[in-house]
Amino acid sequence: GSYFSSEIDPYAIKIANKNYPQDEGNRLGNILEVKASNLPKIDLLIGGSPCQGFSFAGKQLNFEDERSKLFFEYVRLLKECKPKYFLLENVKMKKEYEQVISDLLGVEPILINSSVVSAGSRPRLYWTNIPYTEINKKEISLNDILIDGYSNRDKSHCIDANYGRGTNLRRYLYRGSRQVIFTDKEFMKKLLDNKPSIEECNTIGNENKDKWRKLLPIECERIQTVPDNYTEGVPDFWRYHMLGNGWTVDVIAHIFKGLK
């Protein structure tokens, strides 16, 4: 069997080729230029696309938004390729957007939070015609996968594509995003027992820079159940970027069990 990929991010391509070397002809580049007529019979079509471009005016979708265009390219290829199985992943969204996708794909989505099989929280919707059975929960906590340091959370906040830009105590404590790891247990306890005001957070964070940090790329790999050092070989910012954009491997592996 052959594996074809459509990707334009040079760093993602480099990592994919490092781990799964592909023939030049199997790298299809921009999805806008992919035609089913140039491909052999496809058995499984998988993908994920931005959803921000869905807009309603009397239930009319905005087909021209650059971001939603990619979803419609997936739908186009699904119709052209007529694969036996398909899988589309997306973030949780407004019910009306969700329904548009469900109507076009002909199936309702399954909501799975990656926290059932990983050390991170990541609620995502999966539209698929692969027979699905409930996923068995794995007992794994954020503290289990850290290289060093401590977390007050059992599961990491969702890793986003911009996590490489860094984090701070204010964002972590008040917005519930951009996971922070503490290198000093006493500092962590004191901070959480006496939660500082939003205004105080930056000062405390700057004065105690040696007592907290962001997740390391290898820790983000573990949160996404990707093998250690899988994304090694590109600048750290892009490692975070692709892990934040990527799928939780063990969730996908579970869904694919239904292919048997």
Protein backbone atom coordinates (compact mmCIF):
# COMPACT_ATOMS: atom_id res chain seq x y z
CA GLY A 1 0.00 0.00 0.00
CA SER A 2 1.04 3.63 -0.57
CA TYR A 3 0.76 6.67 1.65
CA PHE A 4 0.19 10.09 0.04
CA SER A 5 0.38 13.39 1.94
CA SER A 6 -0.72 16.92 1.15
CA GLU A 7 1.35 19.43 3.15
CA ILE A 8 2.86 22.87 2.53
CA ASP A 9 4.61 23.53 5.88
CA PRO A 10 8.34 22.91 5.15
CA TYR A 11 9.08 21.92 8.78
CA ALA A 12 6.21 19.42 8.93
CA ILE A 13 7.38 17.96 5.61
CA LYS A 14 10.93 17.62 6.93
CA ILE A 15 9.78 15.76 10.07
CA ALA A 16 7.37 13.54 8.14
CA ASN A 17 10.17 12.58 5.74
CA LYS A 18 12.58 11.96 8.62
CA ASN A 19 10.21 9.47 10.23
CA TYR A 20 8.43 8.11 7.14
CA PRO A 21 10.57 8.67 4.03
CA GLN A 22 8.32 9.06 1.00
CA ASP A 23 8.81 8.83 -2.73
CA GLU A 24 8.80 12.29 -4.29
CA GLY A 25 5.60 11.44 -6.20
CA ASN A 26 3.74 10.66 -2.96
CA ARG A 27 4.23 14.19 -1.62
CA LEU A 28 1.31 16.02 -3.15
CA GLY A 29 1.97 19.57 -1.86
CA ASN A 30 -0.91 22.05 -1.81
CA ILE A 31 -4.31 20.37 -1.45
CA LEU A 32 -5.82 22.95 -3.83
CA GLU A 33 -3.84 21.30 -6.64
CA VAL A 34 -4.54 17.66 -5.72
CA LYS A 35 -6.76 15.82 -8.18
CA ALA A 36 -8.20 12.33 -7.63
CA SER A 37 -7.60 11.57 -11.30
CA ASN A 38 -3.85 11.63 -10.63
CA LEU A 39 -4.09 9.14 -7.74
CA PRO A 40 -4.60 5.38 -7.51
CA LYS A 41 -7.65 3.99 -5.62
CA ILE A 42 -7.69 5.58 -2.15
CA ASP A 43 -8.94 3.37 0.71
CA LEU A 44 -8.66 5.89 3.55
CA LEU A 45 -8.80 9.70 3.47
CA ILE A 46 -7.85 11.56 6.65
CA GLY A 47 -7.53 15.25 7.42
CA GLY A 48 -8.21 18.22 9.66
CA SER A 49 -9.00 21.80 8.69
CA PRO A 50 -9.56 25.24 10.24
CA CYS A 51 -13.23 25.99 10.99
CA GLN A 52 -13.09 29.76 11.60
CA GLY A 53 -14.32 30.52 8.11
CA PHE A 54 -17.84 29.23 8.52
CA SER A 55 -20.24 32.16 8.52
CA PHE A 56 -24.00 32.24 8.18
CA ALA A 57 -26.26 34.64 6.35
CA GLY A 58 -29.60 32.94 6.10
CA LYS A 59 -27.78 29.61 6.57
CA GLN A 60 -25.48 30.38 3.62
CA LEU A 61 -21.91 29.27 4.14
CA ASN A 62 -19.06 31.58 3.23
CA PHE A 63 -17.34 29.40 0.63
CA GLU A 64 -14.74 32.03 -0.13
CA ASP A 65 -13.11 32.39 3.29
CA GLU A 66 -9.49 31.21 2.92
CA ARG A 67 -9.73 29.08 6.07
CA SER A 68 -13.00 27.32 5.36
CA LYS A 69 -11.87 26.67 1.78
CA LEU A 70 -9.64 23.85 3.02
CA PHE A 71 -12.61 22.02 4.51
CA PHE A 72 -14.41 22.17 1.17
CA GLU A 73 -11.29 20.81 -0.52
CA TYR A 74 -11.54 17.82 1.81
CA VAL A 75 -15.19 17.38 0.83
CA ARG A 76 -14.23 17.68 -2.86
CA LEU A 77 -11.55 14.99 -2.55
CA LEU A 78 -13.90 12.75 -0.59
CA LYS A 79 -16.39 12.92 -3.48
CA GLU A 80 -13.69 12.50 -6.12
CA CYS A 81 -11.72 9.69 -4.45
CA LYS A 82 -14.70 7.77 -3.03
CA PRO A 83 -12.54 6.08 -0.36
CA LYS A 84 -13.87 3.13 1.63
CA TYR A 85 -13.17 5.00 4.88
CA PHE A 86 -12.64 8.61 5.93
CA LEU A 87 -11.74 10.58 9.07
CA LEU A 88 -11.99 14.32 9.61
CA GLU A 89 -10.91 16.00 12.86
CA ASN A 90 -11.80 19.45 14.10
CA VAL A 91 -12.08 21.52 17.26
CA LYS A 92 -15.28 21.80 19.27
CA MET A 93 -17.37 24.47 17.61
CA LYS A 94 -20.80 26.07 17.45
CA LYS A 95 -23.50 23.46 16.89
CA GLU A 96 -24.58 25.15 13.66
CA TYR A 97 -21.07 24.81 12.16
CA GLU A 98 -20.86 21.24 13.41
CA GLN A 99 -24.15 20.42 11.72
CA VAL A 100 -22.96 21.79 8.36
CA ILE A 101 -19.98 19.41 8.45
CA SER A 102 -22.17 16.49 9.56
CA ASP A 103 -24.64 17.14 6.73
CA LEU A 104 -21.88 17.28 4.11
CA LEU A 105 -20.09 14.17 5.40
CA GLY A 106 -23.20 12.16 6.21
CA VAL A 107 -22.13 11.21 9.74
CA GLU A 108 -22.36 12.75 13.22
CA PRO A 109 -19.06 13.47 15.00
CA ILE A 110 -17.63 11.59 17.99
CA LEU A 111 -16.32 13.86 20.78
CA ILE A 112 -13.11 12.50 22.30
CA ASN A 113 -10.91 14.29 24.82
CA SER A 114 -7.29 13.13 24.46
CA SER A 115 -7.12 13.13 28.28
CA VAL A 116 -8.55 9.58 28.24
CA VAL A 117 -5.28 8.25 26.78
CA SER A 118 -2.76 11.01 27.46
CA ALA A 119 -1.46 13.57 29.95
CA GLY A 120 -3.16 16.44 28.14
CA SER A 121 -6.67 17.82 27.76
CA ARG A 122 -7.65 18.11 24.08
CA PRO A 123 -11.39 17.85 23.29
CA ARG A 124 -11.82 17.22 19.56
CA LEU A 125 -14.57 16.16 17.16
CA TYR A 126 -14.01 13.21 14.83
CA TRP A 127 -16.25 12.57 11.82
CA THR A 128 -15.68 9.07 10.50
CA ASN A 129 -17.41 6.06 8.96
CA ILE A 130 -14.93 3.69 10.64
CA PRO A 131 -16.82 1.49 13.13
CA TYR A 132 -16.12 2.98 16.56
CA THR A 133 -15.99 1.38 20.01
CA GLU A 134 -15.60 3.31 23.25
CA ILE A 135 -11.99 4.12 24.12
CA ASN A 136 -10.51 2.55 27.28
CA LYS A 137 -9.19 5.10 29.76
CA LYS A 138 -5.47 5.06 30.59
CA GLU A 139 -4.38 6.37 33.98
CA ILE A 140 -1.64 8.84 33.03
CA SER A 141 -0.99 12.21 34.62
CA LEU A 142 1.06 15.20 33.58
CA ASN A 143 3.53 14.64 36.41
CA ASP A 144 4.20 11.14 35.02
CA ILE A 145 5.64 12.45 31.76
CA LEU A 146 7.71 15.45 32.94
CA ILE A 147 11.49 15.41 32.54
CA ASP A 148 11.65 17.29 35.85
CA GLY A 149 9.55 19.73 37.85
CA TYR A 150 5.96 19.65 39.06
CA SER A 151 2.45 20.41 37.93
CA ASN A 152 -0.63 21.17 40.01
CA ARG A 153 -2.76 19.68 37.23
CA ASP A 154 -3.48 16.06 36.40
CA LYS A 155 -3.73 16.92 32.68
CA SER A 156 -1.96 19.66 30.74
CA HIS A 157 -3.91 22.51 29.22
CA CYS A 158 -4.37 21.94 25.50
CA ILE A 159 -1.14 22.52 23.56
CA ASP A 160 -1.81 25.14 20.89
CA ALA A 161 0.18 25.92 17.74
CA ASN A 162 1.60 29.10 19.29
CA TYR A 163 2.83 27.53 22.53
CA GLY A 164 6.39 28.08 21.26
CA ARG A 165 5.88 31.81 21.85
CA GLY A 166 5.97 31.03 25.56
CA THR A 167 3.67 31.38 28.52
CA ASN A 168 3.34 33.37 31.74
CA LEU A 169 1.72 33.01 35.14
CA ARG A 170 -1.12 35.40 34.35
CA ARG A 171 -2.19 33.45 31.29
CA TYR A 172 -1.88 30.16 33.14
CA LEU A 173 -3.71 31.18 36.31
CA TYR A 174 -6.41 33.39 34.80
CA ARG A 175 -7.00 32.20 31.25
CA GLY A 176 -6.55 28.49 31.82
CA SER A 177 -4.19 28.06 28.88
CA ARG A 178 -0.49 27.70 28.01
CA GLN A 179 0.62 25.13 30.56
CA VAL A 180 3.25 26.14 33.16
CA ILE A 181 5.58 23.66 34.90
CA PHE A 182 7.02 24.54 38.30
CA THR A 183 10.64 23.75 39.12
CA ASP A 184 10.12 24.63 42.78
CA LYS A 185 7.39 22.74 44.65
CA GLU A 186 7.18 25.21 47.53
CA PHE A 187 6.81 28.12 45.12
CA MET A 188 4.00 26.26 43.32
CA LYS A 189 2.16 25.55 46.57
CA LYS A 190 2.53 29.11 47.84
CA LEU A 191 1.41 30.58 44.51
CA LEU A 192 -1.72 28.44 44.37
CA ASP A 193 -2.61 28.88 48.05
CA ASN A 194 -2.33 32.66 47.74
CA LYS A 195 -3.35 33.27 44.14
CA PRO A 196 -1.92 36.65 43.10
CA SER A 197 -4.05 39.26 41.36
CA ILE A 198 -3.84 39.60 37.57
CA GLU A 199 -1.70 42.72 38.07
CA GLU A 200 0.74 40.93 40.39
CA CYS A 201 1.29 37.90 38.14
CA ASN A 202 3.88 39.44 35.80
CA THR A 203 5.96 40.84 38.65
CA ILE A 204 5.96 37.54 40.55
CA GLY A 205 6.71 35.63 37.33
CA ASN A 206 9.64 37.89 36.42
CA GLU A 207 11.10 37.82 39.94
CA ASN A 208 10.93 34.01 40.08
CA LYS A 209 11.98 33.03 36.55
CA ASP A 210 14.00 30.10 37.90
CA LYS A 211 10.95 28.59 39.62
CA TRP A 212 8.70 27.92 36.61
CA ARG A 213 9.05 27.14 32.91
CA LYS A 214 7.09 26.13 29.83
CA LEU A 215 6.81 22.52 28.69
CA LEU A 216 9.77 21.11 26.78
CA PRO A 217 9.23 19.87 23.20
CA ILE A 218 9.77 16.25 24.35
CA GLU A 219 7.09 16.72 27.03
CA CYS A 220 4.66 18.04 24.39
CA GLU A 221 5.48 14.95 22.31
CA ARG A 222 4.56 12.77 25.28
CA ILE A 223 1.34 14.72 25.85
CA GLN A 224 0.42 14.08 22.21
CA THR A 225 1.56 10.42 22.61
CA VAL A 226 4.16 10.98 19.89
CA PRO A 227 7.45 9.01 20.30
CA ASP A 228 10.21 10.89 22.15
CA ASN A 229 12.25 13.15 19.83
CA TYR A 230 9.92 12.46 16.89
CA THR A 231 9.94 16.17 15.98
CA GLU A 232 13.68 16.66 16.58
CA GLY A 233 15.55 18.23 13.67
CA VAL A 234 13.78 21.60 13.29
CA PRO A 235 13.83 24.75 15.50
CA ASP A 236 11.93 24.32 18.78
CA PHE A 237 9.28 26.89 17.83
CA TRP A 238 8.26 24.69 14.88
CA ARG A 239 8.32 21.55 17.02
CA TYR A 240 5.74 23.18 19.31
CA HIS A 241 3.83 24.46 16.28
CA MET A 242 3.38 21.05 14.65
CA LEU A 243 2.61 19.31 17.96
CA GLY A 244 -0.03 21.96 18.70
CA ASN A 245 -1.52 21.50 15.24
CA GLY A 246 -1.21 17.72 15.31
CA TRP A 247 -3.33 14.82 16.43
CA THR A 248 -3.03 12.74 19.59
CA VAL A 249 -1.56 9.54 18.15
CA ASP A 250 -3.21 7.13 20.60
CA VAL A 251 -6.68 8.54 19.87
CA ILE A 252 -6.20 8.03 16.12
CA ALA A 253 -4.71 4.57 16.70
CA HIS A 254 -7.82 3.62 18.67
CA ILE A 255 -10.16 4.87 15.93
CA PHE A 256 -8.14 2.92 13.35
CA LYS A 257 -8.69 -0.31 15.30
CA GLY A 258 -12.15 -0.24 13.72
CA LEU A 259 -10.53 -0.77 10.28
CA LYS A 260 -9.86 -4.39 11.25
